[in-house]
N, C-alpha and C. Protein backbone atom coordinates (compact mmCIF):
# COMPACT_ATOMS: atom_id res chain seq x y z
N TRP A 1 0.82 -1.19 0.00
CA TRP A 1 0.00 0.00 0.00
C TRP A 1 0.86 1.25 0.00
N MET A 2 2.09 1.12 0.42
CA MET A 2 2.97 2.29 0.45
C MET A 2 3.27 2.77 -0.97
N ALA A 3 3.44 1.84 -1.90
CA ALA A 3 3.69 2.23 -3.29
C ALA A 3 2.48 2.95 -3.86
N ARG A 4 1.28 2.48 -3.54
CA ARG A 4 0.07 3.14 -4.01
C ARG A 4 -0.05 4.54 -3.43
N LEU A 5 0.34 4.67 -2.18
CA LEU A 5 0.29 5.97 -1.53
C LEU A 5 1.23 6.96 -2.22
N LEU A 6 2.45 6.52 -2.48
CA LEU A 6 3.42 7.40 -3.14
C LEU A 6 2.96 7.76 -4.56
N TYR A 7 2.41 6.79 -5.25
CA TYR A 7 1.90 7.05 -6.59
C TYR A 7 0.73 8.03 -6.51
N GLY A 8 -0.12 7.88 -5.49
CA GLY A 8 -1.23 8.80 -5.29
C GLY A 8 -0.76 10.21 -5.04
N PHE A 9 0.30 10.36 -4.25
CA PHE A 9 0.88 11.68 -4.02
C PHE A 9 1.33 12.30 -5.34
N LYS A 10 1.99 11.52 -6.17
CA LYS A 10 2.48 12.04 -7.46
C LYS A 10 1.32 12.49 -8.35
N ILE A 11 0.28 11.67 -8.40
CA ILE A 11 -0.87 12.03 -9.22
C ILE A 11 -1.49 13.33 -8.72
N PHE A 12 -1.65 13.41 -7.40
CA PHE A 12 -2.32 14.57 -6.83
C PHE A 12 -1.47 15.84 -6.94
N MET A 13 -0.17 15.72 -6.74
CA MET A 13 0.69 16.90 -6.75
C MET A 13 0.98 17.41 -8.17
N PHE A 14 1.26 16.50 -9.08
CA PHE A 14 1.68 16.92 -10.40
C PHE A 14 0.53 16.97 -11.40
N GLY A 15 -0.51 16.21 -11.16
CA GLY A 15 -1.72 16.27 -11.98
C GLY A 15 -1.53 16.00 -13.45
N ARG A 16 -0.56 15.18 -13.81
CA ARG A 16 -0.31 14.91 -15.24
C ARG A 16 -1.20 13.79 -15.76
N THR A 17 -1.84 13.08 -14.87
CA THR A 17 -2.72 11.99 -15.27
C THR A 17 -4.16 12.48 -15.19
N LYS A 18 -4.94 12.15 -16.19
CA LYS A 18 -6.34 12.57 -16.20
C LYS A 18 -7.13 11.65 -15.27
N VAL A 19 -7.76 12.24 -14.29
CA VAL A 19 -8.60 11.49 -13.37
C VAL A 19 -9.96 12.17 -13.30
N THR A 20 -10.97 11.36 -13.02
CA THR A 20 -12.31 11.92 -12.87
C THR A 20 -12.43 12.59 -11.51
N ALA A 21 -13.48 13.34 -11.33
CA ALA A 21 -13.70 14.03 -10.05
C ALA A 21 -13.88 13.02 -8.92
N LYS A 22 -14.57 11.91 -9.22
CA LYS A 22 -14.78 10.87 -8.20
C LYS A 22 -13.44 10.25 -7.80
N GLU A 23 -12.59 9.95 -8.77
CA GLU A 23 -11.28 9.38 -8.48
C GLU A 23 -10.41 10.36 -7.69
N GLU A 24 -10.50 11.64 -8.04
CA GLU A 24 -9.72 12.65 -7.34
C GLU A 24 -10.18 12.78 -5.88
N ASN A 25 -11.49 12.74 -5.66
CA ASN A 25 -12.00 12.79 -4.29
C ASN A 25 -11.57 11.56 -3.49
N GLY A 26 -11.62 10.40 -4.11
CA GLY A 26 -11.18 9.17 -3.44
C GLY A 26 -9.70 9.21 -3.11
N LEU A 27 -8.92 9.73 -4.02
CA LEU A 27 -7.48 9.88 -3.81
C LEU A 27 -7.19 10.85 -2.68
N LEU A 28 -7.93 11.96 -2.66
CA LEU A 28 -7.76 12.94 -1.60
C LEU A 28 -8.13 12.34 -0.23
N GLU A 29 -9.20 11.55 -0.18
CA GLU A 29 -9.58 10.89 1.07
C GLU A 29 -8.49 9.93 1.54
N LEU A 30 -7.93 9.17 0.60
CA LEU A 30 -6.86 8.23 0.95
C LEU A 30 -5.65 8.95 1.50
N LEU A 31 -5.25 10.03 0.86
CA LEU A 31 -4.07 10.77 1.31
C LEU A 31 -4.31 11.42 2.67
N CYS A 32 -5.48 12.01 2.85
CA CYS A 32 -5.79 12.63 4.14
C CYS A 32 -5.86 11.59 5.25
N PHE A 33 -6.48 10.46 4.95
CA PHE A 33 -6.58 9.38 5.94
C PHE A 33 -5.20 8.88 6.34
N THR A 34 -4.32 8.73 5.36
CA THR A 34 -2.99 8.21 5.63
C THR A 34 -2.17 9.19 6.46
N ILE A 35 -2.29 10.46 6.17
CA ILE A 35 -1.50 11.45 6.89
C ILE A 35 -2.17 11.83 8.20
N ALA A 36 -3.41 12.29 8.15
CA ALA A 36 -4.09 12.76 9.36
C ALA A 36 -4.51 11.60 10.26
N GLY A 37 -4.79 10.45 9.68
CA GLY A 37 -5.19 9.29 10.47
C GLY A 37 -4.03 8.64 11.19
N GLY A 38 -2.83 9.03 10.91
CA GLY A 38 -1.68 8.50 11.62
C GLY A 38 -1.15 7.19 11.10
N CYS A 39 -1.51 6.81 9.89
CA CYS A 39 -1.05 5.52 9.35
C CYS A 39 0.45 5.48 9.13
N ILE A 40 1.03 6.58 8.71
CA ILE A 40 2.46 6.60 8.42
C ILE A 40 3.27 6.38 9.69
N GLN A 41 2.88 7.05 10.76
CA GLN A 41 3.59 6.87 12.03
C GLN A 41 3.50 5.42 12.51
N ALA A 42 2.32 4.84 12.42
CA ALA A 42 2.15 3.44 12.84
C ALA A 42 2.95 2.50 11.94
N TRP A 43 3.02 2.82 10.66
CA TRP A 43 3.75 1.99 9.69
C TRP A 43 5.24 1.92 10.03
N PHE A 44 5.83 3.08 10.33
CA PHE A 44 7.27 3.10 10.58
C PHE A 44 7.64 2.57 11.96
N SER A 45 6.75 2.61 12.91
CA SER A 45 7.08 2.09 14.24
C SER A 45 6.61 0.64 14.42
N ALA A 46 5.96 0.07 13.44
CA ALA A 46 5.45 -1.30 13.55
C ALA A 46 6.53 -2.37 13.74
N PRO A 47 7.72 -2.28 13.13
CA PRO A 47 8.71 -3.34 13.30
C PRO A 47 9.32 -3.43 14.70
N ILE A 48 9.12 -2.45 15.55
CA ILE A 48 9.71 -2.45 16.88
C ILE A 48 8.76 -3.21 17.82
N ALA A 49 9.10 -4.43 18.17
CA ALA A 49 8.20 -5.30 18.94
C ALA A 49 7.85 -4.73 20.30
N THR A 50 8.80 -4.10 20.98
CA THR A 50 8.51 -3.57 22.31
C THR A 50 7.55 -2.38 22.25
N SER A 51 7.48 -1.71 21.13
CA SER A 51 6.58 -0.57 20.97
C SER A 51 5.20 -0.97 20.47
N ALA A 52 5.04 -2.21 20.06
CA ALA A 52 3.79 -2.64 19.42
C ALA A 52 2.55 -2.45 20.29
N PRO A 53 2.55 -2.83 21.57
CA PRO A 53 1.31 -2.65 22.34
C PRO A 53 0.87 -1.18 22.41
N LEU A 54 1.77 -0.30 22.77
CA LEU A 54 1.42 1.11 22.86
C LEU A 54 1.13 1.69 21.49
N ASN A 55 1.87 1.25 20.49
CA ASN A 55 1.66 1.70 19.12
C ASN A 55 0.24 1.38 18.65
N ASP A 56 -0.23 0.17 18.91
CA ASP A 56 -1.58 -0.22 18.49
C ASP A 56 -2.64 0.61 19.21
N LEU A 57 -2.46 0.83 20.50
CA LEU A 57 -3.44 1.60 21.26
C LEU A 57 -3.48 3.06 20.80
N LYS A 58 -2.32 3.64 20.57
CA LYS A 58 -2.27 5.03 20.10
C LYS A 58 -2.85 5.16 18.69
N PHE A 59 -2.59 4.15 17.86
CA PHE A 59 -3.12 4.17 16.49
C PHE A 59 -4.64 4.10 16.51
N LEU A 60 -5.20 3.26 17.39
CA LEU A 60 -6.65 3.20 17.53
C LEU A 60 -7.22 4.53 17.99
N GLU A 61 -6.53 5.20 18.91
CA GLU A 61 -6.99 6.51 19.37
C GLU A 61 -6.97 7.53 18.23
N ARG A 62 -5.90 7.52 17.43
CA ARG A 62 -5.81 8.45 16.31
C ARG A 62 -6.90 8.17 15.27
N LEU A 63 -7.16 6.89 15.02
CA LEU A 63 -8.21 6.54 14.07
C LEU A 63 -9.57 6.98 14.58
N GLN A 64 -9.78 6.83 15.87
CA GLN A 64 -11.06 7.24 16.43
C GLN A 64 -11.24 8.75 16.35
N LYS A 65 -10.18 9.50 16.59
CA LYS A 65 -10.27 10.96 16.46
C LYS A 65 -10.52 11.35 15.00
N TYR A 66 -9.85 10.67 14.07
CA TYR A 66 -10.03 10.99 12.66
C TYR A 66 -11.41 10.59 12.16
N SER A 67 -12.04 9.60 12.80
CA SER A 67 -13.37 9.17 12.36
C SER A 67 -14.41 10.27 12.52
N LYS A 68 -14.13 11.24 13.38
CA LYS A 68 -15.04 12.38 13.52
C LYS A 68 -15.00 13.26 12.27
N ILE A 69 -13.87 13.23 11.57
CA ILE A 69 -13.72 14.01 10.34
C ILE A 69 -14.28 13.26 9.15
N ASN A 70 -13.91 11.98 9.03
CA ASN A 70 -14.33 11.18 7.89
C ASN A 70 -14.67 9.78 8.37
N LYS A 71 -15.91 9.59 8.77
CA LYS A 71 -16.35 8.35 9.39
C LYS A 71 -16.29 7.16 8.44
N GLY A 72 -16.64 7.35 7.20
CA GLY A 72 -16.70 6.24 6.25
C GLY A 72 -15.37 5.55 6.03
N VAL A 73 -14.32 6.31 5.97
CA VAL A 73 -13.00 5.74 5.67
C VAL A 73 -12.44 5.01 6.89
N THR A 74 -12.61 5.58 8.08
CA THR A 74 -11.94 5.01 9.25
C THR A 74 -12.67 3.83 9.87
N ASP A 75 -13.98 3.71 9.67
CA ASP A 75 -14.70 2.61 10.30
C ASP A 75 -14.16 1.25 9.87
N GLY A 76 -13.90 1.10 8.59
CA GLY A 76 -13.34 -0.16 8.09
C GLY A 76 -11.95 -0.42 8.64
N ALA A 77 -11.15 0.63 8.72
CA ALA A 77 -9.79 0.47 9.25
C ALA A 77 -9.82 0.11 10.73
N ILE A 78 -10.70 0.72 11.50
CA ILE A 78 -10.81 0.40 12.92
C ILE A 78 -11.27 -1.04 13.11
N GLN A 79 -12.28 -1.46 12.36
CA GLN A 79 -12.76 -2.84 12.49
C GLN A 79 -11.66 -3.84 12.15
N LYS A 80 -10.89 -3.54 11.13
CA LYS A 80 -9.81 -4.44 10.73
C LYS A 80 -8.73 -4.50 11.80
N LEU A 81 -8.37 -3.34 12.35
CA LEU A 81 -7.33 -3.30 13.38
C LEU A 81 -7.79 -3.99 14.66
N LEU A 82 -9.08 -3.90 14.99
CA LEU A 82 -9.60 -4.56 16.18
C LEU A 82 -9.44 -6.09 16.09
N GLY A 83 -9.39 -6.60 14.89
CA GLY A 83 -9.19 -8.04 14.70
C GLY A 83 -7.73 -8.46 14.72
N HIS A 84 -6.82 -7.50 14.81
CA HIS A 84 -5.39 -7.81 14.75
C HIS A 84 -4.63 -7.25 15.94
N LEU A 85 -5.18 -7.33 17.11
CA LEU A 85 -4.54 -6.78 18.30
C LEU A 85 -3.84 -7.87 19.10
N TRP A 86 -3.09 -8.70 18.45
CA TRP A 86 -2.50 -9.82 19.15
C TRP A 86 -1.37 -9.40 20.09
N TYR A 87 -0.81 -8.20 19.93
CA TYR A 87 0.19 -7.72 20.88
C TYR A 87 -0.43 -7.33 22.21
N LEU A 88 -1.73 -7.23 22.26
CA LEU A 88 -2.40 -6.85 23.50
C LEU A 88 -2.87 -8.06 24.30
N SER A 89 -2.43 -9.25 23.93
CA SER A 89 -2.77 -10.43 24.73
C SER A 89 -2.05 -10.32 26.07
N GLU A 90 -2.56 -11.02 27.05
CA GLU A 90 -1.98 -10.88 28.39
C GLU A 90 -0.55 -11.41 28.47
N GLU A 91 -0.13 -12.18 27.51
CA GLU A 91 1.25 -12.66 27.52
C GLU A 91 2.19 -11.68 26.81
N LEU A 92 1.78 -11.17 25.67
CA LEU A 92 2.66 -10.28 24.90
C LEU A 92 2.63 -8.83 25.36
N ILE A 93 1.67 -8.47 26.20
CA ILE A 93 1.63 -7.09 26.69
C ILE A 93 2.87 -6.80 27.55
N GLY A 94 3.53 -7.83 28.02
CA GLY A 94 4.75 -7.65 28.80
C GLY A 94 5.86 -6.96 28.02
N LEU A 95 5.79 -6.97 26.70
CA LEU A 95 6.78 -6.26 25.89
C LEU A 95 6.76 -4.76 26.19
N ALA A 96 5.62 -4.25 26.64
CA ALA A 96 5.50 -2.82 26.91
C ALA A 96 6.37 -2.39 28.09
N PHE A 97 6.77 -3.33 28.94
CA PHE A 97 7.68 -2.98 30.05
C PHE A 97 9.02 -2.46 29.51
N PHE A 98 9.40 -2.87 28.32
CA PHE A 98 10.70 -2.51 27.74
C PHE A 98 10.61 -1.37 26.73
N ASP A 99 9.42 -0.81 26.57
CA ASP A 99 9.22 0.29 25.64
C ASP A 99 9.59 1.61 26.32
N PRO A 100 10.57 2.34 25.78
CA PRO A 100 10.95 3.61 26.41
C PRO A 100 9.88 4.69 26.29
N LEU A 101 8.90 4.50 25.41
CA LEU A 101 7.84 5.50 25.24
C LEU A 101 6.69 5.35 26.24
N VAL A 102 6.63 4.21 26.92
CA VAL A 102 5.60 4.02 27.95
C VAL A 102 6.04 4.79 29.19
N PRO A 103 5.18 5.71 29.67
CA PRO A 103 5.57 6.51 30.83
C PRO A 103 5.80 5.65 32.08
N LEU A 104 6.62 6.14 32.97
CA LEU A 104 6.97 5.41 34.17
C LEU A 104 5.75 5.12 35.04
N ASP A 105 4.82 6.06 35.15
CA ASP A 105 3.63 5.81 35.96
C ASP A 105 2.76 4.72 35.35
N GLU A 106 2.75 4.60 34.03
CA GLU A 106 2.01 3.51 33.39
C GLU A 106 2.70 2.17 33.64
N LYS A 107 4.02 2.16 33.65
CA LYS A 107 4.74 0.92 33.97
C LYS A 107 4.48 0.50 35.41
N ARG A 108 4.37 1.48 36.30
CA ARG A 108 4.02 1.16 37.69
C ARG A 108 2.62 0.57 37.78
N ALA A 109 1.69 1.13 37.02
CA ALA A 109 0.33 0.59 36.99
C ALA A 109 0.32 -0.82 36.41
N MET A 110 1.17 -1.07 35.43
CA MET A 110 1.28 -2.42 34.87
C MET A 110 1.83 -3.39 35.91
N LEU A 111 2.81 -2.95 36.67
CA LEU A 111 3.39 -3.78 37.73
C LEU A 111 2.35 -4.08 38.80
N GLN A 112 1.55 -3.08 39.14
CA GLN A 112 0.49 -3.28 40.13
C GLN A 112 -0.54 -4.29 39.61
N ALA A 113 -0.90 -4.17 38.34
CA ALA A 113 -1.85 -5.11 37.74
C ALA A 113 -1.27 -6.52 37.69
N LEU A 114 0.03 -6.63 37.59
CA LEU A 114 0.70 -7.92 37.58
C LEU A 114 0.57 -8.62 38.92
N LYS A 115 0.51 -7.83 39.99
CA LYS A 115 0.42 -8.38 41.34
C LYS A 115 -1.01 -8.73 41.75
N GLU A 116 -2.00 -8.13 41.09
CA GLU A 116 -3.39 -8.34 41.46
C GLU A 116 -3.84 -9.75 41.13
N VAL A 117 -4.59 -10.32 42.07
CA VAL A 117 -5.15 -11.65 41.86
C VAL A 117 -6.56 -11.45 41.33
N LYS A 118 -6.81 -11.97 40.17
CA LYS A 118 -8.14 -11.88 39.58
C LYS A 118 -8.79 -13.23 39.64
N GLY A 119 -10.05 -13.30 39.29
CA GLY A 119 -10.78 -14.56 39.32
C GLY A 119 -10.11 -15.63 38.49
N SER A 120 -10.54 -16.84 38.65
CA SER A 120 -9.93 -17.96 37.92
C SER A 120 -10.43 -17.97 36.48
N GLU A 121 -9.94 -17.04 35.73
CA GLU A 121 -10.31 -16.95 34.32
C GLU A 121 -9.28 -17.70 33.48
N ASP A 122 -9.75 -18.27 32.41
CA ASP A 122 -8.81 -18.87 31.47
C ASP A 122 -8.09 -17.74 30.75
N PRO A 123 -6.78 -17.87 30.56
CA PRO A 123 -6.06 -16.80 29.88
C PRO A 123 -6.52 -16.65 28.44
N LEU A 124 -6.75 -15.41 28.05
CA LEU A 124 -7.14 -15.12 26.67
C LEU A 124 -5.92 -15.17 25.78
N LYS A 125 -6.01 -15.90 24.73
CA LYS A 125 -4.91 -15.95 23.77
C LYS A 125 -5.00 -14.78 22.80
N ARG A 126 -6.19 -14.23 22.67
CA ARG A 126 -6.39 -13.13 21.73
C ARG A 126 -7.31 -12.09 22.37
N THR A 127 -6.89 -10.86 22.32
CA THR A 127 -7.68 -9.77 22.89
C THR A 127 -8.84 -9.45 21.97
N LYS A 128 -10.01 -9.29 22.58
CA LYS A 128 -11.18 -8.94 21.79
C LYS A 128 -11.72 -7.61 22.30
N LEU A 129 -11.55 -6.60 21.50
CA LEU A 129 -12.09 -5.28 21.82
C LEU A 129 -13.23 -4.98 20.86
N GLN A 130 -14.20 -4.26 21.35
CA GLN A 130 -15.31 -3.81 20.53
C GLN A 130 -15.13 -2.33 20.23
N LEU A 131 -15.85 -1.85 19.25
CA LEU A 131 -15.80 -0.44 18.90
C LEU A 131 -16.24 0.42 20.08
N SER A 132 -17.18 -0.09 20.88
CA SER A 132 -17.66 0.66 22.05
C SER A 132 -16.58 0.78 23.13
N ASP A 133 -15.62 -0.15 23.17
CA ASP A 133 -14.52 -0.10 24.14
C ASP A 133 -13.55 1.04 23.86
N LEU A 134 -13.56 1.55 22.65
CA LEU A 134 -12.60 2.58 22.27
C LEU A 134 -12.92 3.93 22.90
N GLY A 135 -14.16 4.12 23.36
CA GLY A 135 -14.51 5.37 24.01
C GLY A 135 -13.73 5.57 25.29
N VAL A 136 -13.39 4.48 25.94
CA VAL A 136 -12.60 4.52 27.16
C VAL A 136 -11.14 4.53 26.75
N THR A 137 -10.37 5.42 27.34
CA THR A 137 -8.95 5.45 27.02
C THR A 137 -8.31 4.18 27.55
N ARG A 138 -7.76 3.39 26.67
CA ARG A 138 -7.13 2.13 27.05
C ARG A 138 -5.63 2.34 27.18
N LYS A 139 -5.08 1.73 28.21
CA LYS A 139 -3.65 1.79 28.43
C LYS A 139 -3.13 0.37 28.55
N PRO A 140 -1.83 0.16 28.39
CA PRO A 140 -1.30 -1.20 28.49
C PRO A 140 -1.61 -1.88 29.82
N SER A 141 -1.72 -1.12 30.90
CA SER A 141 -1.99 -1.74 32.21
C SER A 141 -3.34 -2.44 32.25
N ALA A 142 -4.27 -2.07 31.37
CA ALA A 142 -5.59 -2.71 31.34
C ALA A 142 -5.51 -4.15 30.84
N PHE A 143 -4.43 -4.51 30.21
CA PHE A 143 -4.30 -5.84 29.63
C PHE A 143 -3.36 -6.76 30.42
N VAL A 144 -2.73 -6.22 31.46
CA VAL A 144 -1.78 -7.00 32.24
C VAL A 144 -2.52 -7.82 33.29
N THR A 145 -2.16 -9.10 33.40
CA THR A 145 -2.71 -9.98 34.42
C THR A 145 -1.56 -10.77 35.05
N GLN A 146 -1.88 -11.68 35.93
CA GLN A 146 -0.84 -12.53 36.51
C GLN A 146 -0.24 -13.46 35.46
N GLN A 147 -0.97 -13.72 34.39
CA GLN A 147 -0.46 -14.58 33.32
C GLN A 147 0.67 -13.90 32.54
N THR A 148 0.75 -12.57 32.63
CA THR A 148 1.77 -11.82 31.92
C THR A 148 3.13 -12.23 32.43
């Protein structure tokens, strides 16, 4: 998708290719979504495993904020990302302890959550968030359990 994005920038900036008004509007939506929606930042920080939990949560927040501007484009992206939050499982959320971007008070909250005894729940292998859960600001400490 990065190649399509760069090609879209060229079409939009130089305008040497004939496009219809509908195609131009679609291209403009894609470019705005990619830049304002925070896709580029998430793309470049994705390979850093320790940053993945916080990166996913921040990306969801940015998408939710952008959905107020252009709801149609972001709803599909949010639904897709909600299905791919495997870094937020109670086992892999421990990577956030080593992320230098996670604030110290959040790491303390994660440590406190690690000590808490919760009911005898089976450990979730995959985090399931709903669109309604995004209204609440989620932090890595919300996903930490004794299984972490």
